[in-house]
Amino acid sequence: MVAKATRLTSFHSILGIVVAAAFAVVAALGWWLWRSGGTSRVFWRLLRGSQVLYLAYLVIAGVRFFTGQKPDDSLYWVYALLPLAVSFIAEQLRIASAQTVLDARDLEDAEAVGRLPADEQRGVVVAILAREIGVMAIAALVIAGLMLRASLGFGGY
């Protein structure tokens, strides 16, 4: 039974490192896009894929918890669950990004953007996307650090 628990521990730790690496890639790509003023569907796909990997990690942690396996360190759950809070807050900030850009340009809503010339509309959309990417890239960097700590900082879980 010890060998089986060790394999599961190793898989769980390795998955946590994979999740941390995935979020680090998202953060790096997001930083590059934000600095260059670009946009990319790949960024959003990688972000959502990383979030799915994180949920798989949490499911495994939950299964292990409910089958009686406890982490060696009581802070494990803080580091393992904080990415949920970071993701939630980041999504709220991402949603608010559009309004922030509109307010900065004295536009009341999306209909006001629609009345702008096409090149100005594109400028507003790119500014919104850049702000959203920046917010999510910072969140991805924080999540990568938390996941790395959750995965490497605790022996045996």
N, C-alpha and C. Protein backbone atom coordinates (compact mmCIF):
# COMPACT_ATOMS: atom_id res chain seq x y z
N MET A 1 0.82 -1.20 0.00
CA MET A 1 0.00 0.00 0.00
C MET A 1 0.86 1.26 0.00
N VAL A 2 2.02 1.19 0.62
CA VAL A 2 2.90 2.35 0.67
C VAL A 2 3.37 2.73 -0.73
N ALA A 3 3.70 1.73 -1.56
CA ALA A 3 4.15 2.02 -2.92
C ALA A 3 3.05 2.69 -3.72
N LYS A 4 1.81 2.25 -3.56
CA LYS A 4 0.70 2.87 -4.27
C LYS A 4 0.49 4.32 -3.82
N ALA A 5 0.57 4.57 -2.52
CA ALA A 5 0.43 5.93 -2.00
C ALA A 5 1.56 6.81 -2.52
N THR A 6 2.77 6.27 -2.62
CA THR A 6 3.90 7.04 -3.12
C THR A 6 3.69 7.41 -4.58
N ARG A 7 3.19 6.47 -5.37
CA ARG A 7 2.91 6.76 -6.78
C ARG A 7 1.88 7.87 -6.90
N LEU A 8 0.84 7.80 -6.09
CA LEU A 8 -0.20 8.83 -6.13
C LEU A 8 0.38 10.16 -5.68
N THR A 9 1.20 10.14 -4.65
CA THR A 9 1.84 11.36 -4.18
C THR A 9 2.70 11.94 -5.29
N SER A 10 3.48 11.11 -5.94
CA SER A 10 4.33 11.58 -7.01
C SER A 10 3.50 12.16 -8.14
N PHE A 11 2.45 11.46 -8.54
CA PHE A 11 1.59 11.95 -9.61
C PHE A 11 0.97 13.29 -9.23
N HIS A 12 0.50 13.38 -8.01
CA HIS A 12 -0.14 14.61 -7.53
C HIS A 12 0.85 15.76 -7.52
N SER A 13 2.06 15.50 -7.02
CA SER A 13 3.09 16.54 -7.01
C SER A 13 3.50 16.94 -8.41
N ILE A 14 3.67 15.96 -9.27
CA ILE A 14 4.06 16.25 -10.66
C ILE A 14 2.96 17.04 -11.35
N LEU A 15 1.71 16.67 -11.14
CA LEU A 15 0.60 17.42 -11.73
C LEU A 15 0.61 18.86 -11.23
N GLY A 16 0.89 19.06 -9.95
CA GLY A 16 0.97 20.41 -9.41
C GLY A 16 2.07 21.22 -10.08
N ILE A 17 3.20 20.59 -10.34
CA ILE A 17 4.30 21.28 -11.03
C ILE A 17 3.91 21.59 -12.47
N VAL A 18 3.21 20.66 -13.12
CA VAL A 18 2.72 20.90 -14.49
C VAL A 18 1.75 22.07 -14.50
N VAL A 19 0.87 22.12 -13.52
CA VAL A 19 -0.09 23.24 -13.42
C VAL A 19 0.67 24.55 -13.21
N ALA A 20 1.66 24.55 -12.32
CA ALA A 20 2.46 25.76 -12.08
C ALA A 20 3.16 26.19 -13.37
N ALA A 21 3.74 25.23 -14.09
CA ALA A 21 4.44 25.54 -15.34
C ALA A 21 3.47 26.09 -16.39
N ALA A 22 2.28 25.52 -16.46
CA ALA A 22 1.29 25.99 -17.43
C ALA A 22 0.90 27.44 -17.14
N PHE A 23 0.68 27.75 -15.89
CA PHE A 23 0.35 29.13 -15.52
C PHE A 23 1.54 30.07 -15.75
N ALA A 24 2.75 29.58 -15.55
CA ALA A 24 3.94 30.40 -15.82
C ALA A 24 4.04 30.72 -17.31
N VAL A 25 3.74 29.76 -18.16
CA VAL A 25 3.74 30.00 -19.61
C VAL A 25 2.67 31.04 -19.96
N VAL A 26 1.50 30.90 -19.38
CA VAL A 26 0.43 31.88 -19.61
C VAL A 26 0.88 33.27 -19.17
N ALA A 27 1.51 33.35 -18.00
CA ALA A 27 1.98 34.65 -17.50
C ALA A 27 3.02 35.25 -18.44
N ALA A 28 3.95 34.44 -18.91
CA ALA A 28 5.00 34.94 -19.82
C ALA A 28 4.40 35.40 -21.15
N LEU A 29 3.51 34.61 -21.70
CA LEU A 29 2.86 34.99 -22.96
C LEU A 29 2.03 36.25 -22.76
N GLY A 30 1.32 36.33 -21.66
CA GLY A 30 0.51 37.51 -21.37
C GLY A 30 1.35 38.75 -21.21
N TRP A 31 2.49 38.62 -20.53
CA TRP A 31 3.39 39.76 -20.37
C TRP A 31 3.88 40.22 -21.73
N TRP A 32 4.30 39.26 -22.57
CA TRP A 32 4.80 39.60 -23.91
C TRP A 32 3.71 40.27 -24.74
N LEU A 33 2.50 39.74 -24.71
CA LEU A 33 1.40 40.34 -25.47
C LEU A 33 1.09 41.74 -24.95
N TRP A 34 1.07 41.89 -23.64
CA TRP A 34 0.77 43.19 -23.06
C TRP A 34 1.82 44.22 -23.45
N ARG A 35 3.11 43.84 -23.40
CA ARG A 35 4.20 44.75 -23.75
C ARG A 35 4.19 45.10 -25.23
N SER A 36 3.83 44.13 -26.07
CA SER A 36 3.85 44.38 -27.51
C SER A 36 2.54 44.97 -28.02
N GLY A 37 1.53 45.00 -27.15
CA GLY A 37 0.23 45.53 -27.56
C GLY A 37 -0.55 44.59 -28.44
N GLY A 38 -0.18 43.32 -28.42
CA GLY A 38 -0.84 42.32 -29.25
C GLY A 38 -1.98 41.63 -28.53
N THR A 39 -2.70 40.87 -29.30
CA THR A 39 -3.76 40.02 -28.76
C THR A 39 -3.59 38.63 -29.35
N SER A 40 -4.15 37.65 -28.67
CA SER A 40 -3.98 36.28 -29.15
C SER A 40 -5.06 35.37 -28.57
N ARG A 41 -5.64 34.58 -29.42
CA ARG A 41 -6.58 33.56 -28.95
C ARG A 41 -5.84 32.46 -28.21
N VAL A 42 -4.58 32.25 -28.59
CA VAL A 42 -3.77 31.22 -27.94
C VAL A 42 -3.65 31.51 -26.45
N PHE A 43 -3.48 32.78 -26.10
CA PHE A 43 -3.38 33.16 -24.69
C PHE A 43 -4.60 32.68 -23.92
N TRP A 44 -5.78 32.97 -24.44
CA TRP A 44 -7.01 32.61 -23.74
C TRP A 44 -7.19 31.11 -23.67
N ARG A 45 -6.81 30.40 -24.73
CA ARG A 45 -6.92 28.93 -24.71
C ARG A 45 -5.96 28.33 -23.70
N LEU A 46 -4.73 28.85 -23.66
CA LEU A 46 -3.77 28.36 -22.67
C LEU A 46 -4.23 28.67 -21.24
N LEU A 47 -4.78 29.85 -21.05
CA LEU A 47 -5.28 30.22 -19.73
C LEU A 47 -6.39 29.27 -19.29
N ARG A 48 -7.37 29.06 -20.15
CA ARG A 48 -8.49 28.17 -19.78
C ARG A 48 -8.02 26.73 -19.61
N GLY A 49 -7.07 26.30 -20.44
CA GLY A 49 -6.51 24.95 -20.28
C GLY A 49 -5.79 24.80 -18.95
N SER A 50 -5.05 25.83 -18.55
CA SER A 50 -4.36 25.81 -17.27
C SER A 50 -5.37 25.74 -16.12
N GLN A 51 -6.46 26.46 -16.27
CA GLN A 51 -7.49 26.42 -15.23
C GLN A 51 -8.12 25.04 -15.12
N VAL A 52 -8.30 24.36 -16.24
CA VAL A 52 -8.84 22.99 -16.21
C VAL A 52 -7.85 22.05 -15.53
N LEU A 53 -6.56 22.19 -15.85
CA LEU A 53 -5.54 21.38 -15.17
C LEU A 53 -5.57 21.62 -13.66
N TYR A 54 -5.73 22.87 -13.28
CA TYR A 54 -5.79 23.19 -11.85
C TYR A 54 -7.00 22.51 -11.19
N LEU A 55 -8.13 22.52 -11.88
CA LEU A 55 -9.31 21.85 -11.32
C LEU A 55 -9.08 20.35 -11.17
N ALA A 56 -8.38 19.74 -12.13
CA ALA A 56 -8.04 18.31 -12.01
C ALA A 56 -7.16 18.08 -10.79
N TYR A 57 -6.20 18.98 -10.58
CA TYR A 57 -5.33 18.90 -9.41
C TYR A 57 -6.17 18.96 -8.12
N LEU A 58 -7.13 19.89 -8.08
CA LEU A 58 -7.97 20.01 -6.89
C LEU A 58 -8.85 18.78 -6.67
N VAL A 59 -9.35 18.20 -7.75
CA VAL A 59 -10.17 16.99 -7.62
C VAL A 59 -9.33 15.88 -7.00
N ILE A 60 -8.11 15.72 -7.47
CA ILE A 60 -7.24 14.69 -6.91
C ILE A 60 -6.94 14.99 -5.44
N ALA A 61 -6.68 16.24 -5.12
CA ALA A 61 -6.43 16.61 -3.72
C ALA A 61 -7.66 16.30 -2.87
N GLY A 62 -8.85 16.60 -3.39
CA GLY A 62 -10.08 16.31 -2.66
C GLY A 62 -10.29 14.83 -2.45
N VAL A 63 -10.04 14.04 -3.48
CA VAL A 63 -10.16 12.58 -3.35
C VAL A 63 -9.20 12.07 -2.29
N ARG A 64 -7.98 12.55 -2.34
CA ARG A 64 -6.99 12.12 -1.36
C ARG A 64 -7.42 12.52 0.05
N PHE A 65 -7.96 13.69 0.20
CA PHE A 65 -8.40 14.15 1.51
C PHE A 65 -9.53 13.28 2.04
N PHE A 66 -10.52 13.02 1.19
CA PHE A 66 -11.68 12.26 1.64
C PHE A 66 -11.42 10.77 1.77
N THR A 67 -10.27 10.31 1.27
CA THR A 67 -9.89 8.91 1.50
C THR A 67 -8.94 8.79 2.68
N GLY A 68 -8.79 9.87 3.43
CA GLY A 68 -8.02 9.81 4.66
C GLY A 68 -6.57 10.22 4.56
N GLN A 69 -6.10 10.60 3.41
CA GLN A 69 -4.71 11.04 3.27
C GLN A 69 -4.64 12.53 3.60
N LYS A 70 -3.84 12.86 4.57
CA LYS A 70 -3.73 14.25 5.02
C LYS A 70 -2.38 14.82 4.60
N PRO A 71 -2.34 16.11 4.29
CA PRO A 71 -1.05 16.72 3.95
C PRO A 71 -0.14 16.79 5.16
N ASP A 72 1.17 16.81 4.88
CA ASP A 72 2.15 16.90 5.97
C ASP A 72 2.15 18.27 6.64
N ASP A 73 1.78 19.28 5.90
CA ASP A 73 1.83 20.64 6.40
C ASP A 73 0.43 21.23 6.39
N SER A 74 0.06 21.89 7.47
CA SER A 74 -1.29 22.44 7.56
C SER A 74 -1.53 23.59 6.60
N LEU A 75 -0.49 24.20 6.06
CA LEU A 75 -0.66 25.30 5.10
C LEU A 75 -0.91 24.81 3.67
N TYR A 76 -0.83 23.51 3.45
CA TYR A 76 -1.04 22.99 2.10
C TYR A 76 -2.34 23.51 1.49
N TRP A 77 -3.42 23.43 2.24
CA TRP A 77 -4.71 23.82 1.69
C TRP A 77 -4.79 25.32 1.40
N VAL A 78 -4.06 26.11 2.13
CA VAL A 78 -4.02 27.55 1.84
C VAL A 78 -3.44 27.76 0.44
N TYR A 79 -2.28 27.13 0.19
CA TYR A 79 -1.63 27.30 -1.11
C TYR A 79 -2.38 26.58 -2.23
N ALA A 80 -3.03 25.50 -1.92
CA ALA A 80 -3.76 24.76 -2.95
C ALA A 80 -5.08 25.42 -3.33
N LEU A 81 -5.71 26.13 -2.37
CA LEU A 81 -7.02 26.73 -2.65
C LEU A 81 -6.97 28.22 -2.98
N LEU A 82 -5.90 28.91 -2.62
CA LEU A 82 -5.80 30.33 -2.94
C LEU A 82 -5.92 30.63 -4.43
N PRO A 83 -5.42 29.76 -5.32
CA PRO A 83 -5.62 30.05 -6.75
C PRO A 83 -7.09 30.21 -7.15
N LEU A 84 -7.99 29.56 -6.44
CA LEU A 84 -9.42 29.77 -6.72
C LEU A 84 -9.81 31.21 -6.46
N ALA A 85 -9.37 31.74 -5.32
CA ALA A 85 -9.69 33.13 -4.97
C ALA A 85 -9.01 34.09 -5.94
N VAL A 86 -7.75 33.81 -6.28
CA VAL A 86 -7.03 34.67 -7.23
C VAL A 86 -7.74 34.67 -8.57
N SER A 87 -8.16 33.50 -9.04
CA SER A 87 -8.87 33.41 -10.32
C SER A 87 -10.18 34.19 -10.29
N PHE A 88 -10.92 34.05 -9.21
CA PHE A 88 -12.20 34.74 -9.09
C PHE A 88 -12.00 36.26 -9.11
N ILE A 89 -11.05 36.74 -8.32
CA ILE A 89 -10.78 38.18 -8.28
C ILE A 89 -10.29 38.68 -9.63
N ALA A 90 -9.41 37.91 -10.27
CA ALA A 90 -8.89 38.30 -11.58
C ALA A 90 -10.01 38.38 -12.61
N GLU A 91 -10.92 37.44 -12.58
CA GLU A 91 -12.04 37.48 -13.54
C GLU A 91 -12.91 38.72 -13.30
N GLN A 92 -13.09 39.09 -12.04
CA GLN A 92 -13.87 40.30 -11.76
C GLN A 92 -13.14 41.54 -12.26
N LEU A 93 -11.84 41.59 -12.06
CA LEU A 93 -11.05 42.72 -12.56
C LEU A 93 -11.03 42.74 -14.08
N ARG A 94 -10.98 41.57 -14.69
CA ARG A 94 -11.00 41.47 -16.15
C ARG A 94 -12.31 42.04 -16.69
N ILE A 95 -13.40 41.71 -16.05
CA ILE A 95 -14.70 42.22 -16.47
C ILE A 95 -14.75 43.74 -16.32
N ALA A 96 -14.17 44.24 -15.24
CA ALA A 96 -14.16 45.69 -15.00
C ALA A 96 -13.22 46.43 -15.95
N SER A 97 -12.31 45.71 -16.60
CA SER A 97 -11.35 46.35 -17.51
C SER A 97 -12.04 47.12 -18.62
N ALA A 98 -13.07 46.54 -19.17
CA ALA A 98 -13.78 47.20 -20.27
C ALA A 98 -14.34 48.54 -19.81
N GLN A 99 -14.97 48.55 -18.66
CA GLN A 99 -15.55 49.80 -18.18
C GLN A 99 -14.48 50.83 -17.87
N THR A 100 -13.35 50.38 -17.37
CA THR A 100 -12.24 51.29 -17.08
C THR A 100 -11.75 51.98 -18.35
N VAL A 101 -11.60 51.20 -19.42
CA VAL A 101 -11.15 51.77 -20.70
C VAL A 101 -12.21 52.72 -21.24
N LEU A 102 -13.47 52.33 -21.16
CA LEU A 102 -14.55 53.20 -21.64
C LEU A 102 -14.59 54.50 -20.85
N ASP A 103 -14.46 54.40 -19.53
CA ASP A 103 -14.46 55.61 -18.70
C ASP A 103 -13.30 56.53 -19.03
N ALA A 104 -12.13 55.95 -19.28
CA ALA A 104 -10.95 56.75 -19.60
C ALA A 104 -11.12 57.51 -20.92
N ARG A 105 -11.96 56.99 -21.79
CA ARG A 105 -12.19 57.63 -23.09
C ARG A 105 -13.53 58.38 -23.12
N ASP A 106 -14.14 58.54 -21.96
CA ASP A 106 -15.43 59.23 -21.85
C ASP A 106 -16.51 58.62 -22.75
N LEU A 107 -16.55 57.29 -22.75
CA LEU A 107 -17.58 56.56 -23.49
C LEU A 107 -18.48 55.88 -22.47
N GLU A 108 -19.80 56.04 -22.64
CA GLU A 108 -20.71 55.52 -21.61
C GLU A 108 -20.94 54.01 -21.70
N ASP A 109 -20.91 53.44 -22.92
CA ASP A 109 -21.17 52.01 -23.06
C ASP A 109 -20.70 51.52 -24.43
N ALA A 110 -20.99 50.25 -24.72
CA ALA A 110 -20.57 49.65 -25.98
C ALA A 110 -21.25 50.32 -27.18
N GLU A 111 -22.46 50.81 -26.99
CA GLU A 111 -23.14 51.51 -28.09
C GLU A 111 -22.38 52.77 -28.48
N ALA A 112 -21.81 53.44 -27.51
CA ALA A 112 -21.01 54.64 -27.80
C ALA A 112 -19.76 54.27 -28.60
N VAL A 113 -19.20 53.12 -28.31
CA VAL A 113 -18.04 52.65 -29.08
C VAL A 113 -18.47 52.37 -30.52
N GLY A 114 -19.66 51.82 -30.69
CA GLY A 114 -20.17 51.52 -32.03
C GLY A 114 -20.38 52.75 -32.89
N ARG A 115 -20.52 53.89 -32.27
CA ARG A 115 -20.70 55.13 -33.02
C ARG A 115 -19.37 55.77 -33.45
N LEU A 116 -18.27 55.23 -32.95
CA LEU A 116 -16.95 55.75 -33.31
C LEU A 116 -16.55 55.27 -34.71
N PRO A 117 -15.62 55.96 -35.35
CA PRO A 117 -15.08 55.45 -36.61
C PRO A 117 -14.41 54.08 -36.38
N ALA A 118 -14.31 53.29 -37.43
CA ALA A 118 -13.83 51.91 -37.33
C ALA A 118 -12.44 51.81 -36.69
N ASP A 119 -11.52 52.71 -37.05
CA ASP A 119 -10.18 52.63 -36.49
C ASP A 119 -10.17 52.95 -34.99
N GLU A 120 -11.02 53.86 -34.56
CA GLU A 120 -11.12 54.18 -33.13
C GLU A 120 -11.79 53.03 -32.36
N GLN A 121 -12.78 52.38 -32.99
CA GLN A 121 -13.41 51.22 -32.36
C GLN A 121 -12.36 50.14 -32.11
N ARG A 122 -11.54 49.89 -33.12
CA ARG A 122 -10.49 48.89 -32.98
C ARG A 122 -9.53 49.28 -31.86
N GLY A 123 -9.21 50.55 -31.77
CA GLY A 123 -8.31 51.01 -30.70
C GLY A 123 -8.89 50.76 -29.32
N VAL A 124 -10.19 50.98 -29.17
CA VAL A 124 -10.85 50.73 -27.88
C VAL A 124 -10.82 49.23 -27.56
N VAL A 125 -11.16 48.42 -28.55
CA VAL A 125 -11.18 46.97 -28.33
C VAL A 125 -9.79 46.45 -27.98
N VAL A 126 -8.77 46.91 -28.69
CA VAL A 126 -7.41 46.47 -28.40
C VAL A 126 -6.99 46.92 -26.99
N ALA A 127 -7.37 48.14 -26.60
CA ALA A 127 -7.04 48.62 -25.26
C ALA A 127 -7.72 47.76 -24.19
N ILE A 128 -8.95 47.38 -24.42
CA ILE A 128 -9.67 46.52 -23.47
C ILE A 128 -8.99 45.16 -23.38
N LEU A 129 -8.69 44.57 -24.54
CA LEU A 129 -8.04 43.26 -24.55
C LEU A 129 -6.67 43.30 -23.88
N ALA A 130 -5.92 44.37 -24.13
CA ALA A 130 -4.60 44.49 -23.51
C ALA A 130 -4.72 44.55 -21.99
N ARG A 131 -5.69 45.29 -21.50
CA ARG A 131 -5.89 45.39 -20.05
C ARG A 131 -6.33 44.04 -19.49
N GLU A 132 -7.22 43.36 -20.18
CA GLU A 132 -7.67 42.04 -19.73
C GLU A 132 -6.50 41.06 -19.69
N ILE A 133 -5.69 41.06 -20.74
CA ILE A 133 -4.54 40.16 -20.79
C ILE A 133 -3.57 40.48 -19.65
N GLY A 134 -3.34 41.76 -19.39
CA GLY A 134 -2.45 42.14 -18.30
C GLY A 134 -2.93 41.64 -16.95
N VAL A 135 -4.21 41.81 -16.70
CA VAL A 135 -4.80 41.36 -15.43
C VAL A 135 -4.65 39.84 -15.28
N MET A 136 -4.99 39.12 -16.34
CA MET A 136 -4.95 37.66 -16.26
C MET A 136 -3.51 37.14 -16.22
N ALA A 137 -2.58 37.85 -16.84
CA ALA A 137 -1.17 37.43 -16.79
C ALA A 137 -0.63 37.57 -15.37
N ILE A 138 -0.96 38.65 -14.70
CA ILE A 138 -0.52 38.83 -13.32
C ILE A 138 -1.13 37.74 -12.43
N ALA A 139 -2.41 37.46 -12.64
CA ALA A 139 -3.05 36.40 -11.86
C ALA A 139 -2.38 35.06 -12.13
N ALA A 140 -2.05 34.78 -13.39
CA ALA A 140 -1.39 33.52 -13.74
C ALA A 140 -0.04 33.40 -13.05
N LEU A 141 0.69 34.50 -12.96
CA LEU A 141 1.98 34.47 -12.28
C LEU A 141 1.81 34.16 -10.79
N VAL A 142 0.83 34.78 -10.17
CA VAL A 142 0.56 34.52 -8.75
C VAL A 142 0.15 33.06 -8.55
N ILE A 143 -0.71 32.57 -9.41
CA ILE A 143 -1.17 31.17 -9.30
C ILE A 143 -0.01 30.21 -9.51
N ALA A 144 0.88 30.52 -10.46
CA ALA A 144 2.04 29.65 -10.68
C ALA A 144 2.87 29.54 -9.41
N GLY A 145 3.09 30.66 -8.75
CA GLY A 145 3.85 30.63 -7.50
C GLY A 145 3.16 29.84 -6.40
N LEU A 146 1.87 30.04 -6.27
CA LEU A 146 1.11 29.31 -5.25
C LEU A 146 1.13 27.80 -5.53
N MET A 147 0.98 27.43 -6.79
CA MET A 147 0.96 26.01 -7.13
C MET A 147 2.33 25.39 -6.94
N LEU A 148 3.36 26.13 -7.26
CA LEU A 148 4.71 25.61 -7.04
C LEU A 148 4.94 25.37 -5.56
N ARG A 149 4.50 26.30 -4.75
CA ARG A 149 4.63 26.13 -3.29
C ARG A 149 3.79 24.96 -2.79
N ALA A 150 2.60 24.83 -3.31
CA ALA A 150 1.75 23.71 -2.88
C ALA A 150 2.37 22.37 -3.28
N SER A 151 2.99 22.33 -4.45
CA SER A 151 3.52 21.07 -4.97
C SER A 151 4.87 20.70 -4.39
N LEU A 152 5.75 21.68 -4.23
CA LEU A 152 7.10 21.39 -3.79
C LEU A 152 7.32 21.58 -2.30
N GLY A 153 6.48 22.36 -1.69
CA GLY A 153 6.72 22.73 -0.30
C GLY A 153 6.27 21.72 0.72
N PHE A 154 5.66 20.65 0.29
CA PHE A 154 5.09 19.71 1.24
C PHE A 154 5.47 18.28 0.85
N GLY A 155 6.29 17.68 1.66
CA GLY A 155 6.68 16.31 1.39
C GLY A 155 5.56 15.36 1.72
N GLY A 156 5.33 14.43 0.84
CA GLY A 156 4.39 13.35 1.13
C GLY A 156 2.96 13.62 0.75
N TYR A 157 2.59 14.82 0.29
CA TYR A 157 1.20 15.04 -0.14
C TYR A 157 1.28 15.64 -1.48
